[in-house]
């Protein structure tokens, strides 16, 4: 989990430099894990995409591209 948080923090801070000034640390040392039952990957991706409706379209696309690069 530590490697995932470190890598994602570097990627996010590279794409969004303002995060460096606003957030001294990106993630805490703790994490939460849950199962999604029998949901398919497509259902999970759709859920995540629907959570981003309040973001500006340009940033939403960058985040979606980042999520796809992890898959």
N, C-alpha and C. Protein backbone atom coordinates (compact mmCIF):
# COMPACT_ATOMS: atom_id res chain seq x y z
N UNK A 1 0.83 -1.18 0.00
CA UNK A 1 0.00 0.00 0.00
C UNK A 1 0.88 1.26 0.00
N UNK A 2 1.99 1.18 0.70
CA UNK A 2 2.88 2.34 0.78
C UNK A 2 3.41 2.73 -0.61
N UNK A 3 3.77 1.74 -1.42
CA UNK A 3 4.27 2.02 -2.77
C UNK A 3 3.19 2.65 -3.64
N UNK A 4 1.97 2.14 -3.53
CA UNK A 4 0.86 2.68 -4.31
C UNK A 4 0.60 4.14 -3.94
N UNK A 5 0.60 4.43 -2.66
CA UNK A 5 0.37 5.80 -2.21
C UNK A 5 1.51 6.72 -2.66
N UNK A 6 2.73 6.25 -2.58
CA UNK A 6 3.88 7.06 -3.00
C UNK A 6 3.84 7.36 -4.49
N UNK A 7 3.55 6.33 -5.28
CA UNK A 7 3.50 6.52 -6.74
C UNK A 7 2.35 7.43 -7.14
N UNK A 8 1.18 7.20 -6.57
CA UNK A 8 0.04 8.04 -6.94
C UNK A 8 0.26 9.48 -6.49
N UNK A 9 0.90 9.67 -5.36
CA UNK A 9 1.19 11.03 -4.88
C UNK A 9 2.11 11.76 -5.86
N UNK A 10 3.14 11.08 -6.34
CA UNK A 10 4.06 11.70 -7.31
C UNK A 10 3.34 12.06 -8.60
N UNK A 11 2.50 11.17 -9.09
CA UNK A 11 1.76 11.43 -10.33
C UNK A 11 0.79 12.60 -10.15
N UNK A 12 0.05 12.60 -9.05
CA UNK A 12 -0.92 13.67 -8.83
C UNK A 12 -0.24 15.02 -8.65
N UNK A 13 0.85 15.05 -7.92
CA UNK A 13 1.57 16.32 -7.70
C UNK A 13 2.23 16.81 -8.98
N UNK A 14 2.60 15.90 -9.87
CA UNK A 14 3.17 16.31 -11.16
C UNK A 14 2.08 16.93 -12.05
N UNK A 15 0.90 16.35 -12.02
CA UNK A 15 -0.21 16.88 -12.84
C UNK A 15 -0.85 18.12 -12.24
N UNK A 16 -0.88 18.18 -10.93
CA UNK A 16 -1.55 19.29 -10.23
C UNK A 16 -0.57 19.93 -9.25
N UNK A 17 0.34 20.79 -9.73
CA UNK A 17 1.38 21.38 -8.87
C UNK A 17 0.84 22.13 -7.66
N UNK A 18 -0.38 22.66 -7.76
CA UNK A 18 -0.94 23.39 -6.62
C UNK A 18 -1.14 22.49 -5.40
N UNK A 19 -1.15 21.18 -5.59
CA UNK A 19 -1.30 20.27 -4.45
C UNK A 19 -0.11 20.34 -3.51
N UNK A 20 1.07 20.65 -4.05
CA UNK A 20 2.27 20.74 -3.20
C UNK A 20 2.13 21.83 -2.15
N UNK A 21 1.51 22.95 -2.56
CA UNK A 21 1.36 24.06 -1.63
C UNK A 21 0.22 23.84 -0.65
N UNK A 22 -0.83 23.18 -1.10
CA UNK A 22 -2.03 23.04 -0.26
C UNK A 22 -1.98 21.83 0.67
N UNK A 23 -1.29 20.78 0.25
CA UNK A 23 -1.25 19.55 1.05
C UNK A 23 0.19 19.14 1.33
N UNK A 24 0.67 19.36 2.54
CA UNK A 24 2.06 18.96 2.85
C UNK A 24 2.26 17.44 2.68
N UNK A 25 1.26 16.66 3.04
CA UNK A 25 1.32 15.22 2.79
C UNK A 25 0.05 14.82 2.06
N UNK A 26 0.19 13.96 1.07
CA UNK A 26 -0.96 13.58 0.25
C UNK A 26 -1.81 12.54 0.97
N UNK A 27 -1.19 11.53 1.53
CA UNK A 27 -1.92 10.42 2.14
C UNK A 27 -1.50 10.21 3.59
N UNK A 28 -2.37 9.63 4.38
CA UNK A 28 -2.01 9.23 5.74
C UNK A 28 -1.41 7.82 5.68
N UNK A 29 -0.90 7.34 6.79
CA UNK A 29 -0.31 6.00 6.81
C UNK A 29 -1.37 4.90 6.83
N UNK A 30 -2.61 5.24 7.14
CA UNK A 30 -3.65 4.23 7.23
C UNK A 30 -4.35 4.03 5.88
N UNK A 31 -5.10 2.95 5.78
CA UNK A 31 -5.87 2.70 4.57
C UNK A 31 -7.06 1.81 4.90
N UNK A 32 -8.02 1.80 4.01
CA UNK A 32 -9.25 1.03 4.17
C UNK A 32 -9.39 0.08 2.99
N UNK A 33 -9.76 -1.14 3.26
CA UNK A 33 -9.96 -2.12 2.20
C UNK A 33 -11.37 -2.71 2.35
N UNK A 34 -12.08 -2.79 1.25
CA UNK A 34 -13.41 -3.40 1.25
C UNK A 34 -13.60 -4.19 -0.03
N UNK A 35 -14.50 -5.13 -0.01
CA UNK A 35 -14.79 -5.89 -1.22
C UNK A 35 -15.99 -5.27 -1.92
N UNK A 36 -16.13 -5.59 -3.18
CA UNK A 36 -17.26 -5.06 -3.96
C UNK A 36 -18.17 -6.20 -4.39
N UNK A 37 -18.06 -7.32 -3.74
CA UNK A 37 -18.92 -8.44 -4.09
C UNK A 37 -18.63 -8.94 -5.48
N UNK A 38 -19.68 -9.16 -6.24
CA UNK A 38 -19.51 -9.69 -7.59
C UNK A 38 -19.55 -8.63 -8.66
N UNK A 39 -19.33 -7.37 -8.29
CA UNK A 39 -19.38 -6.28 -9.27
C UNK A 39 -18.26 -6.43 -10.29
N UNK A 40 -18.59 -6.16 -11.53
CA UNK A 40 -17.58 -6.22 -12.58
C UNK A 40 -16.72 -4.96 -12.56
N UNK A 41 -15.59 -5.03 -13.23
CA UNK A 41 -14.70 -3.88 -13.30
C UNK A 41 -15.39 -2.69 -13.97
N UNK A 42 -16.21 -2.96 -14.98
CA UNK A 42 -16.95 -1.88 -15.64
C UNK A 42 -17.90 -1.16 -14.70
N UNK A 43 -18.58 -1.91 -13.83
CA UNK A 43 -19.50 -1.30 -12.86
C UNK A 43 -18.73 -0.44 -11.88
N UNK A 44 -17.58 -0.91 -11.45
CA UNK A 44 -16.76 -0.15 -10.50
C UNK A 44 -16.25 1.13 -11.15
N UNK A 45 -15.77 1.03 -12.39
CA UNK A 45 -15.29 2.22 -13.10
C UNK A 45 -16.41 3.24 -13.28
N UNK A 46 -17.60 2.76 -13.62
CA UNK A 46 -18.75 3.67 -13.79
C UNK A 46 -19.06 4.37 -12.48
N UNK A 47 -19.01 3.65 -11.37
CA UNK A 47 -19.26 4.24 -10.06
C UNK A 47 -18.25 5.35 -9.77
N UNK A 48 -16.97 5.06 -10.02
CA UNK A 48 -15.92 6.05 -9.77
C UNK A 48 -16.12 7.27 -10.65
N UNK A 49 -16.43 7.06 -11.91
CA UNK A 49 -16.64 8.19 -12.83
C UNK A 49 -17.83 9.04 -12.39
N UNK A 50 -18.86 8.43 -11.88
CA UNK A 50 -20.03 9.18 -11.41
C UNK A 50 -19.73 9.99 -10.16
N UNK A 51 -18.72 9.62 -9.40
CA UNK A 51 -18.34 10.37 -8.21
C UNK A 51 -17.65 11.67 -8.56
N UNK A 52 -17.20 11.82 -9.77
CA UNK A 52 -16.41 12.97 -10.18
C UNK A 52 -17.23 14.05 -10.87
N UNK A 53 -18.52 14.01 -10.79
CA UNK A 53 -19.36 14.95 -11.53
C UNK A 53 -19.17 16.39 -11.09
N UNK A 54 -18.69 16.62 -9.88
CA UNK A 54 -18.52 17.99 -9.41
C UNK A 54 -17.20 18.62 -9.85
N UNK A 55 -16.30 17.83 -10.43
CA UNK A 55 -15.00 18.36 -10.87
C UNK A 55 -15.13 19.03 -12.23
N UNK A 56 -14.18 19.89 -12.53
CA UNK A 56 -14.14 20.49 -13.87
C UNK A 56 -13.83 19.41 -14.89
N UNK A 57 -14.41 19.50 -16.09
CA UNK A 57 -14.22 18.44 -17.10
C UNK A 57 -12.76 18.14 -17.42
N UNK A 58 -11.91 19.15 -17.53
CA UNK A 58 -10.51 18.91 -17.88
C UNK A 58 -9.83 18.06 -16.81
N UNK A 59 -10.04 18.39 -15.54
CA UNK A 59 -9.43 17.62 -14.46
C UNK A 59 -10.04 16.23 -14.36
N UNK A 60 -11.33 16.11 -14.63
CA UNK A 60 -11.99 14.81 -14.57
C UNK A 60 -11.38 13.88 -15.61
N UNK A 61 -11.09 14.40 -16.81
CA UNK A 61 -10.48 13.57 -17.85
C UNK A 61 -9.08 13.13 -17.46
N UNK A 62 -8.31 14.01 -16.85
CA UNK A 62 -6.97 13.63 -16.41
C UNK A 62 -7.06 12.51 -15.37
N UNK A 63 -8.00 12.62 -14.44
CA UNK A 63 -8.14 11.62 -13.39
C UNK A 63 -8.58 10.29 -14.00
N UNK A 64 -9.51 10.32 -14.94
CA UNK A 64 -9.97 9.10 -15.60
C UNK A 64 -8.81 8.43 -16.36
N UNK A 65 -8.00 9.24 -17.05
CA UNK A 65 -6.84 8.69 -17.77
C UNK A 65 -5.86 8.04 -16.79
N UNK A 66 -5.67 8.67 -15.64
CA UNK A 66 -4.77 8.11 -14.64
C UNK A 66 -5.30 6.77 -14.14
N UNK A 67 -6.60 6.69 -13.86
CA UNK A 67 -7.19 5.44 -13.38
C UNK A 67 -7.04 4.35 -14.42
N UNK A 68 -7.21 4.69 -15.69
CA UNK A 68 -7.06 3.69 -16.75
C UNK A 68 -5.63 3.20 -16.85
N UNK A 69 -4.66 4.07 -16.57
CA UNK A 69 -3.26 3.65 -16.65
C UNK A 69 -2.90 2.65 -15.55
N UNK A 70 -3.67 2.66 -14.45
CA UNK A 70 -3.42 1.72 -13.36
C UNK A 70 -4.00 0.34 -13.64
N UNK A 71 -4.98 0.26 -14.51
CA UNK A 71 -5.67 -1.02 -14.79
C UNK A 71 -4.84 -1.94 -15.64
